[in-house]
Protein backbone atom coordinates (compact mmCIF):
# COMPACT_ATOMS: atom_id res chain seq x y z
CA UNK A 1 0.00 0.00 0.00
CA UNK A 2 1.17 3.37 -0.88
CA UNK A 3 1.25 6.06 1.66
CA UNK A 4 -0.65 9.22 0.91
CA UNK A 5 0.30 12.48 2.39
CA UNK A 6 -2.10 15.05 3.65
CA UNK A 7 -2.44 18.24 1.71
CA UNK A 8 -0.30 21.02 3.07
CA UNK A 9 -2.04 23.10 5.71
CA UNK A 10 -2.89 26.64 4.96
CA UNK A 11 -0.63 29.22 6.37
CA UNK A 12 -2.19 31.10 9.23
CA UNK A 13 -2.92 34.67 8.64
CA UNK A 14 -1.78 37.26 11.07
CA UNK A 15 -4.70 39.00 12.77
CA UNK A 16 -5.77 42.13 11.01
CA UNK A 17 -5.02 45.32 12.69
CA UNK A 18 -8.15 47.30 13.16
CA UNK A 19 -7.80 50.91 12.42
CA UNK A 20 -8.13 53.13 15.47
CA UNK A 21 -11.72 54.19 15.90
CA UNK A 22 -12.08 57.90 16.19
CA UNK A 23 -15.20 58.77 18.14
CA UNK A 24 -15.40 62.22 16.64
CA UNK A 25 -15.60 60.76 13.17
CA UNK A 26 -18.28 58.28 14.25
CA UNK A 27 -20.37 60.97 15.91
CA UNK A 28 -19.85 63.23 12.94
CA UNK A 29 -21.37 60.56 10.71
CA UNK A 30 -24.67 60.63 12.59
CA UNK A 31 -27.14 62.93 10.95
CA UNK A 32 -30.15 64.10 12.88
CA UNK A 33 -33.30 64.85 11.00
CA UNK A 34 -36.29 66.71 12.35
CA UNK A 35 -38.27 63.49 12.61
CA UNK A 36 -35.49 61.84 14.62
CA UNK A 37 -35.32 64.78 17.04
CA UNK A 38 -39.10 64.69 17.56
CA UNK A 39 -39.05 60.92 18.16
CA UNK A 40 -36.14 61.24 20.61
CA UNK A 41 -38.07 63.98 22.44
CA UNK A 42 -41.15 61.75 22.64
CA UNK A 43 -39.09 58.87 24.06
CA UNK A 44 -37.60 61.14 26.73
CA UNK A 45 -41.05 62.54 27.54
CA UNK A 46 -42.48 59.01 27.80
CA UNK A 47 -39.65 58.06 30.17
CA UNK A 48 -40.39 61.08 32.39
CA UNK A 49 -44.09 60.22 32.45
CA UNK A 50 -43.78 56.47 32.97
CA UNK A 51 -40.95 56.23 35.52
CA UNK A 52 -42.96 57.69 38.45
CA UNK A 53 -45.99 55.64 37.44
CA UNK A 54 -43.96 52.43 37.40
CA UNK A 55 -42.45 53.32 40.79
CA UNK A 56 -45.91 53.90 42.24
CA UNK A 57 -47.14 50.63 40.76
CA UNK A 58 -44.25 48.67 42.27
CA UNK A 59 -44.76 50.31 45.68
CA UNK A 60 -48.46 49.45 45.59
CA UNK A 61 -47.69 45.84 44.63
CA UNK A 62 -45.37 45.58 47.62
CA UNK A 63 -48.05 46.99 49.90
CA UNK A 64 -50.63 44.58 48.51
CA UNK A 65 -48.26 41.64 49.05
CA UNK A 66 -47.57 42.75 52.63
CA UNK A 67 -51.29 43.13 53.34
CA UNK A 68 -52.02 39.71 51.85
CA UNK A 69 -49.37 38.20 54.14
CA UNK A 70 -50.89 39.94 57.16
CA UNK A 71 -54.39 38.73 56.18
CA UNK A 72 -53.06 35.18 55.86
CA UNK A 73 -51.41 35.42 59.29
CA UNK A 74 -54.68 36.77 60.71
CA UNK A 75 -56.62 33.87 59.24
CA UNK A 76 -54.15 31.38 60.68
CA UNK A 77 -54.45 33.04 64.08
CA UNK A 78 -58.25 32.92 63.85
CA UNK A 79 -58.07 29.20 63.03
CA UNK A 80 -55.83 28.58 66.05
CA UNK A 81 -58.15 30.57 68.33
CA UNK A 82 -61.24 28.77 67.02
CA UNK A 83 -59.56 25.41 67.64
CA UNK A 84 -58.69 26.55 71.15
CA UNK A 85 -62.29 27.69 71.72
CA UNK A 86 -63.54 24.27 70.59
CA UNK A 87 -61.14 22.60 73.05
CA UNK A 88 -62.50 24.74 75.88
CA UNK A 89 -66.01 23.48 75.13
CA UNK A 90 -64.87 19.97 76.12
CA UNK A 91 -65.44 19.32 79.89
CA UNK A 92 -62.50 16.88 80.02
CA UNK A 93 -60.14 19.56 78.69
CA UNK A 94 -61.41 22.07 81.25
CA UNK A 95 -60.87 19.56 84.05
CA UNK A 96 -57.35 18.78 82.83
CA UNK A 97 -56.43 22.46 82.60
CA UNK A 98 -57.82 23.13 86.09
CA UNK A 99 -55.71 20.28 87.49
CA UNK A 100 -52.50 21.31 85.68
CA UNK A 101 -52.67 25.08 86.00
CA UNK A 102 -54.58 25.72 89.20
CA UNK A 103 -54.04 22.41 91.03
CA UNK A 104 -57.79 21.95 91.46
CA UNK A 105 -59.08 18.51 92.38
CA UNK A 106 -62.47 16.95 92.75
CA UNK A 107 -63.82 16.49 96.27
CA UNK A 108 -62.27 13.43 97.90
CA UNK A 109 -59.10 13.44 95.76
CA UNK A 110 -55.66 14.06 97.20
CA UNK A 111 -53.02 16.13 95.39
CA UNK A 112 -49.40 15.05 95.59
CA UNK A 113 -46.82 17.63 94.52
CA UNK A 114 -43.34 16.34 93.82
CA UNK A 115 -40.52 18.74 94.62
CA UNK A 116 -37.23 18.49 92.68
CA UNK A 117 -38.50 15.89 90.27
CA UNK A 118 -35.62 16.51 87.85
CA UNK A 119 -33.07 13.82 87.01
CA UNK A 120 -29.80 14.19 88.96
CA UNK A 121 -27.86 15.51 85.96
CA UNK A 122 -30.35 18.36 85.46
CA UNK A 123 -30.40 19.56 89.06
CA UNK A 124 -28.45 22.83 89.33
CA UNK A 125 -25.22 22.54 91.27
CA UNK A 126 -24.65 24.65 94.35
CA UNK A 127 -23.07 27.96 93.50
CA UNK A 128 -20.00 29.18 95.32
CA UNK A 129 -20.03 32.42 97.24
CA UNK A 130 -19.84 35.52 95.11
CA UNK A 131 -16.52 36.67 96.55
CA UNK A 132 -14.24 35.28 99.23
CA UNK A 133 -12.16 38.45 99.42
CA UNK A 134 -13.09 42.05 100.01
CA UNK A 135 -12.52 44.01 96.83
CA UNK A 136 -11.50 47.64 96.85
CA UNK A 137 -13.14 50.00 94.41
CA UNK A 138 -10.96 51.89 91.96
CA UNK A 139 -12.60 55.24 92.75
CA UNK A 140 -12.92 57.09 96.03
CA UNK A 141 -16.66 57.51 96.28
CA UNK A 142 -16.50 59.51 99.51
CA UNK A 143 -14.26 62.17 97.98
CA UNK A 144 -16.53 62.41 94.97
CA UNK A 145 -19.54 62.78 97.25
CA UNK A 146 -17.91 65.60 99.25
CA UNK A 147 -16.82 67.36 96.03
CA UNK A 148 -20.37 67.18 94.71
CA UNK A 149 -21.80 68.61 97.94
CA UNK A 150 -19.34 71.51 98.05
CA UNK A 151 -19.91 72.38 94.40
CA UNK A 152 -23.66 72.37 94.92
CA UNK A 153 -23.40 74.47 98.08
CA UNK A 154 -20.96 77.03 96.70
CA UNK A 155 -22.60 77.58 93.35
CA UNK A 156 -23.64 81.19 92.80
CA UNK A 157 -26.71 80.64 90.63
CA UNK A 158 -29.25 79.32 93.04
CA UNK A 159 -32.87 79.45 92.01
CA UNK A 160 -35.64 79.29 94.50
CA UNK A 161 -38.13 76.56 93.78
CA UNK A 162 -41.45 77.87 92.55
CA UNK A 163 -44.64 76.06 93.25
CA UNK A 164 -47.29 76.77 90.67
CA UNK A 165 -47.65 80.24 89.12
CA UNK A 166 -46.35 83.20 91.15
CA UNK A 167 -48.95 85.70 92.33
CA UNK A 168 -49.24 88.93 90.32
CA UNK A 169 -48.30 92.21 91.92
CA UNK A 170 -51.18 93.61 94.00
CA UNK A 171 -53.06 96.56 92.52
CA UNK A 172 -55.00 99.28 94.27
CA UNK A 173 -58.04 99.13 92.04
CA UNK A 174 -59.96 95.92 91.65
CA UNK A 175 -60.44 94.57 88.16
CA UNK A 176 -63.97 95.03 86.71
C-alpha atoms as a PDB file:
ATOM      1  CA  UNK A   1       0.000   0.000   0.000  1.00  0.00           C
ATOM      2  CA  UNK A   2       1.166   3.370  -0.876  1.00  0.00           C
ATOM      3  CA  UNK A   3       1.247   6.057   1.663  1.00  0.00           C
ATOM      4  CA  UNK A   4      -0.648   9.220   0.909  1.00  0.00           C
ATOM      5  CA  UNK A   5       0.298  12.475   2.388  1.00  0.00           C
ATOM      6  CA  UNK A   6      -2.100  15.049   3.652  1.00  0.00           C
ATOM      7  CA  UNK A   7      -2.438  18.238   1.706  1.00  0.00           C
ATOM      8  CA  UNK A   8      -0.304  21.022   3.068  1.00  0.00           C
ATOM      9  CA  UNK A   9      -2.038  23.101   5.714  1.00  0.00           C
ATOM     10  CA  UNK A  10      -2.893  26.640   4.962  1.00  0.00           C
ATOM     11  CA  UNK A  11      -0.626  29.221   6.371  1.00  0.00           C
ATOM     12  CA  UNK A  12      -2.191  31.098   9.227  1.00  0.00           C
ATOM     13  CA  UNK A  13      -2.923  34.673   8.635  1.00  0.00           C
ATOM     14  CA  UNK A  14      -1.783  37.256  11.066  1.00  0.00           C
ATOM     15  CA  UNK A  15      -4.698  38.995  12.770  1.00  0.00           C
ATOM     16  CA  UNK A  16      -5.772  42.129  11.014  1.00  0.00           C
ATOM     17  CA  UNK A  17      -5.021  45.320  12.692  1.00  0.00           C
ATOM     18  CA  UNK A  18      -8.145  47.296  13.159  1.00  0.00           C
ATOM     19  CA  UNK A  19      -7.800  50.910  12.420  1.00  0.00           C
ATOM     20  CA  UNK A  20      -8.128  53.126  15.472  1.00  0.00           C
ATOM     21  CA  UNK A  21     -11.723  54.189  15.899  1.00  0.00           C
ATOM     22  CA  UNK A  22     -12.081  57.903  16.185  1.00  0.00           C
ATOM     23  CA  UNK A  23     -15.197  58.766  18.143  1.00  0.00           C
ATOM     24  CA  UNK A  24     -15.402  62.216  16.636  1.00  0.00           C
ATOM     25  CA  UNK A  25     -15.596  60.758  13.173  1.00  0.00           C
ATOM     26  CA  UNK A  26     -18.280  58.277  14.248  1.00  0.00           C
ATOM     27  CA  UNK A  27     -20.371  60.971  15.909  1.00  0.00           C
ATOM     28  CA  UNK A  28     -19.853  63.231  12.944  1.00  0.00           C
ATOM     29  CA  UNK A  29     -21.374  60.563  10.708  1.00  0.00           C
ATOM     30  CA  UNK A  30     -24.674  60.632  12.590  1.00  0.00           C
ATOM     31  CA  UNK A  31     -27.143  62.932  10.949  1.00  0.00           C
ATOM     32  CA  UNK A  32     -30.155  64.103  12.876  1.00  0.00           C
ATOM     33  CA  UNK A  33     -33.300  64.852  10.999  1.00  0.00           C
ATOM     34  CA  UNK A  34     -36.290  66.712  12.351  1.00  0.00           C
ATOM     35  CA  UNK A  35     -38.269  63.491  12.610  1.00  0.00           C
ATOM     36  CA  UNK A  36     -35.494  61.836  14.624  1.00  0.00           C
ATOM     37  CA  UNK A  37     -35.319  64.784  17.039  1.00  0.00           C
ATOM     38  CA  UNK A  38     -39.098  64.686  17.561  1.00  0.00           C
ATOM     39  CA  UNK A  39     -39.046  60.919  18.161  1.00  0.00           C
ATOM     40  CA  UNK A  40     -36.142  61.243  20.608  1.00  0.00           C
ATOM     41  CA  UNK A  41     -38.069  63.976  22.436  1.00  0.00           C
ATOM     42  CA  UNK A  42     -41.151  61.746  22.640  1.00  0.00           C
ATOM     43  CA  UNK A  43     -39.086  58.866  24.056  1.00  0.00           C
ATOM     44  CA  UNK A  44     -37.598  61.143  26.727  1.00  0.00           C
ATOM     45  CA  UNK A  45     -41.054  62.535  27.541  1.00  0.00           C
ATOM     46  CA  UNK A  46     -42.482  59.014  27.803  1.00  0.00           C
ATOM     47  CA  UNK A  47     -39.655  58.062  30.169  1.00  0.00           C
ATOM     48  CA  UNK A  48     -40.394  61.077  32.390  1.00  0.00           C
ATOM     49  CA  UNK A  49     -44.092  60.221  32.447  1.00  0.00           C
ATOM     50  CA  UNK A  50     -43.778  56.468  32.967  1.00  0.00           C
ATOM     51  CA  UNK A  51     -40.948  56.227  35.524  1.00  0.00           C
ATOM     52  CA  UNK A  52     -42.955  57.695  38.454  1.00  0.00           C
ATOM     53  CA  UNK A  53     -45.987  55.636  37.438  1.00  0.00           C
ATOM     54  CA  UNK A  54     -43.960  52.427  37.404  1.00  0.00           C
ATOM     55  CA  UNK A  55     -42.449  53.320  40.787  1.00  0.00           C
ATOM     56  CA  UNK A  56     -45.909  53.900  42.241  1.00  0.00           C
ATOM     57  CA  UNK A  57     -47.139  50.633  40.757  1.00  0.00           C
ATOM     58  CA  UNK A  58     -44.247  48.668  42.273  1.00  0.00           C
ATOM     59  CA  UNK A  59     -44.760  50.310  45.681  1.00  0.00           C
ATOM     60  CA  UNK A  60     -48.461  49.451  45.589  1.00  0.00           C
ATOM     61  CA  UNK A  61     -47.693  45.845  44.626  1.00  0.00           C
ATOM     62  CA  UNK A  62     -45.366  45.577  47.622  1.00  0.00           C
ATOM     63  CA  UNK A  63     -48.051  46.993  49.900  1.00  0.00           C
ATOM     64  CA  UNK A  64     -50.633  44.579  48.512  1.00  0.00           C
ATOM     65  CA  UNK A  65     -48.258  41.643  49.051  1.00  0.00           C
ATOM     66  CA  UNK A  66     -47.571  42.753  52.633  1.00  0.00           C
ATOM     67  CA  UNK A  67     -51.285  43.131  53.341  1.00  0.00           C
ATOM     68  CA  UNK A  68     -52.023  39.709  51.851  1.00  0.00           C
ATOM     69  CA  UNK A  69     -49.373  38.201  54.142  1.00  0.00           C
ATOM     70  CA  UNK A  70     -50.895  39.938  57.162  1.00  0.00           C
ATOM     71  CA  UNK A  71     -54.386  38.734  56.184  1.00  0.00           C
ATOM     72  CA  UNK A  72     -53.061  35.176  55.856  1.00  0.00           C
ATOM     73  CA  UNK A  73     -51.414  35.423  59.288  1.00  0.00           C
ATOM     74  CA  UNK A  74     -54.675  36.774  60.713  1.00  0.00           C
ATOM     75  CA  UNK A  75     -56.622  33.872  59.240  1.00  0.00           C
ATOM     76  CA  UNK A  76     -54.154  31.379  60.676  1.00  0.00           C
ATOM     77  CA  UNK A  77     -54.446  33.040  64.079  1.00  0.00           C
ATOM     78  CA  UNK A  78     -58.254  32.916  63.853  1.00  0.00           C
ATOM     79  CA  UNK A  79     -58.072  29.199  63.034  1.00  0.00           C
ATOM     80  CA  UNK A  80     -55.832  28.583  66.051  1.00  0.00           C
ATOM     81  CA  UNK A  81     -58.148  30.566  68.328  1.00  0.00           C
ATOM     82  CA  UNK A  82     -61.241  28.769  67.023  1.00  0.00           C
ATOM     83  CA  UNK A  83     -59.563  25.409  67.640  1.00  0.00           C
ATOM     84  CA  UNK A  84     -58.692  26.550  71.154  1.00  0.00           C
ATOM     85  CA  UNK A  85     -62.294  27.687  71.724  1.00  0.00           C
ATOM     86  CA  UNK A  86     -63.540  24.270  70.592  1.00  0.00           C
ATOM     87  CA  UNK A  87     -61.144  22.603  73.046  1.00  0.00           C
ATOM     88  CA  UNK A  88     -62.502  24.743  75.877  1.00  0.00           C
ATOM     89  CA  UNK A  89     -66.008  23.476  75.129  1.00  0.00           C
ATOM     90  CA  UNK A  90     -64.872  19.974  76.120  1.00  0.00           C
ATOM     91  CA  UNK A  91     -65.440  19.325  79.887  1.00  0.00           C
ATOM     92  CA  UNK A  92     -62.504  16.883  80.021  1.00  0.00           C
ATOM     93  CA  UNK A  93     -60.139  19.558  78.686  1.00  0.00           C
ATOM     94  CA  UNK A  94     -61.414  22.067  81.247  1.00  0.00           C
ATOM     95  CA  UNK A  95     -60.870  19.555  84.049  1.00  0.00           C
ATOM     96  CA  UNK A  96     -57.350  18.779  82.826  1.00  0.00           C
ATOM     97  CA  UNK A  97     -56.429  22.460  82.605  1.00  0.00           C
ATOM     98  CA  UNK A  98     -57.820  23.129  86.090  1.00  0.00           C
ATOM     99  CA  UNK A  99     -55.711  20.280  87.486  1.00  0.00           C
ATOM    100  CA  UNK A 100     -52.504  21.313  85.681  1.00  0.00           C
ATOM    101  CA  UNK A 101     -52.668  25.081  85.997  1.00  0.00           C
ATOM    102  CA  UNK A 102     -54.576  25.717  89.203  1.00  0.00           C
ATOM    103  CA  UNK A 103     -54.036  22.405  91.029  1.00  0.00           C
ATOM    104  CA  UNK A 104     -57.789  21.949  91.464  1.00  0.00           C
ATOM    105  CA  UNK A 105     -59.075  18.511  92.382  1.00  0.00           C
ATOM    106  CA  UNK A 106     -62.470  16.947  92.752  1.00  0.00           C
ATOM    107  CA  UNK A 107     -63.815  16.488  96.272  1.00  0.00           C
ATOM    108  CA  UNK A 108     -62.274  13.427  97.901  1.00  0.00           C
ATOM    109  CA  UNK A 109     -59.101  13.437  95.756  1.00  0.00           C
ATOM    110  CA  UNK A 110     -55.658  14.058  97.197  1.00  0.00           C
ATOM    111  CA  UNK A 111     -53.022  16.127  95.389  1.00  0.00           C
ATOM    112  CA  UNK A 112     -49.397  15.046  95.588  1.00  0.00           C
ATOM    113  CA  UNK A 113     -46.821  17.635  94.523  1.00  0.00           C
ATOM    114  CA  UNK A 114     -43.336  16.340  93.823  1.00  0.00           C
ATOM    115  CA  UNK A 115     -40.523  18.739  94.622  1.00  0.00           C
ATOM    116  CA  UNK A 116     -37.228  18.493  92.678  1.00  0.00           C
ATOM    117  CA  UNK A 117     -38.504  15.890  90.273  1.00  0.00           C
ATOM    118  CA  UNK A 118     -35.624  16.512  87.846  1.00  0.00           C
ATOM    119  CA  UNK A 119     -33.074  13.818  87.014  1.00  0.00           C
ATOM    120  CA  UNK A 120     -29.798  14.187  88.962  1.00  0.00           C
ATOM    121  CA  UNK A 121     -27.857  15.508  85.956  1.00  0.00           C
ATOM    122  CA  UNK A 122     -30.348  18.359  85.460  1.00  0.00           C
ATOM    123  CA  UNK A 123     -30.403  19.560  89.060  1.00  0.00           C
ATOM    124  CA  UNK A 124     -28.455  22.827  89.328  1.00  0.00           C
ATOM    125  CA  UNK A 125     -25.220  22.538  91.272  1.00  0.00           C
ATOM    126  CA  UNK A 126     -24.652  24.646  94.346  1.00  0.00           C
ATOM    127  CA  UNK A 127     -23.072  27.955  93.497  1.00  0.00           C
ATOM    128  CA  UNK A 128     -20.001  29.180  95.317  1.00  0.00           C
ATOM    129  CA  UNK A 129     -20.034  32.420  97.236  1.00  0.00           C
ATOM    130  CA  UNK A 130     -19.837  35.519  95.113  1.00  0.00           C
ATOM    131  CA  UNK A 131     -16.519  36.669  96.554  1.00  0.00           C
ATOM    132  CA  UNK A 132     -14.239  35.278  99.226  1.00  0.00           C
ATOM    133  CA  UNK A 133     -12.161  38.450  99.420  1.00  0.00           C
ATOM    134  CA  UNK A 134     -13.092  42.047 100.005  1.00  0.00           C
ATOM    135  CA  UNK A 135     -12.525  44.006  96.834  1.00  0.00           C
ATOM    136  CA  UNK A 136     -11.500  47.640  96.850  1.00  0.00           C
ATOM    137  CA  UNK A 137     -13.138  49.999  94.413  1.00  0.00           C
ATOM    138  CA  UNK A 138     -10.960  51.890  91.957  1.00  0.00           C
ATOM    139  CA  UNK A 139     -12.602  55.245  92.755  1.00  0.00           C
ATOM    140  CA  UNK A 140     -12.919  57.089  96.028  1.00  0.00           C
ATOM    141  CA  UNK A 141     -16.662  57.514  96.277  1.00  0.00           C
ATOM    142  CA  UNK A 142     -16.499  59.505  99.515  1.00  0.00           C
ATOM    143  CA  UNK A 143     -14.257  62.168  97.982  1.00  0.00           C
ATOM    144  CA  UNK A 144     -16.529  62.415  94.970  1.00  0.00           C
ATOM    145  CA  UNK A 145     -19.542  62.781  97.250  1.00  0.00           C
ATOM    146  CA  UNK A 146     -17.908  65.605  99.254  1.00  0.00           C
ATOM    147  CA  UNK A 147     -16.818  67.364  96.033  1.00  0.00           C
ATOM    148  CA  UNK A 148     -20.369  67.180  94.706  1.00  0.00           C
ATOM    149  CA  UNK A 149     -21.797  68.613  97.940  1.00  0.00           C
ATOM    150  CA  UNK A 150     -19.340  71.513  98.050  1.00  0.00           C
ATOM    151  CA  UNK A 151     -19.906  72.377  94.395  1.00  0.00           C
ATOM    152  CA  UNK A 152     -23.662  72.369  94.916  1.00  0.00           C
ATOM    153  CA  UNK A 153     -23.398  74.475  98.076  1.00  0.00           C
ATOM    154  CA  UNK A 154     -20.961  77.030  96.703  1.00  0.00           C
ATOM    155  CA  UNK A 155     -22.600  77.584  93.350  1.00  0.00           C
ATOM    156  CA  UNK A 156     -23.642  81.191  92.796  1.00  0.00           C
ATOM    157  CA  UNK A 157     -26.707  80.643  90.634  1.00  0.00           C
ATOM    158  CA  UNK A 158     -29.247  79.324  93.038  1.00  0.00           C
ATOM    159  CA  UNK A 159     -32.866  79.446  92.005  1.00  0.00           C
ATOM    160  CA  UNK A 160     -35.644  79.286  94.501  1.00  0.00           C
ATOM    161  CA  UNK A 161     -38.130  76.565  93.780  1.00  0.00           C
ATOM    162  CA  UNK A 162     -41.446  77.868  92.548  1.00  0.00           C
ATOM    163  CA  UNK A 163     -44.642  76.056  93.248  1.00  0.00           C
ATOM    164  CA  UNK A 164     -47.290  76.772  90.669  1.00  0.00           C
ATOM    165  CA  UNK A 165     -47.647  80.237  89.122  1.00  0.00           C
ATOM    166  CA  UNK A 166     -46.352  83.204  91.151  1.00  0.00           C
ATOM    167  CA  UNK A 167     -48.947  85.704  92.330  1.00  0.00           C
ATOM    168  CA  UNK A 168     -49.241  88.926  90.317  1.00  0.00           C
ATOM    169  CA  UNK A 169     -48.298  92.206  91.924  1.00  0.00           C
ATOM    170  CA  UNK A 170     -51.183  93.614  94.001  1.00  0.00           C
ATOM    171  CA  UNK A 171     -53.063  96.558  92.523  1.00  0.00           C
ATOM    172  CA  UNK A 172     -55.001  99.280  94.274  1.00  0.00           C
ATOM    173  CA  UNK A 173     -58.043  99.130  92.042  1.00  0.00           C
ATOM    174  CA  UNK A 174     -59.963  95.917  91.646  1.00  0.00           C
ATOM    175  CA  UNK A 175     -60.439  94.571  88.164  1.00  0.00           C
ATOM    176  CA  UNK A 176     -63.975  95.028  86.706  1.00  0.00           C
END
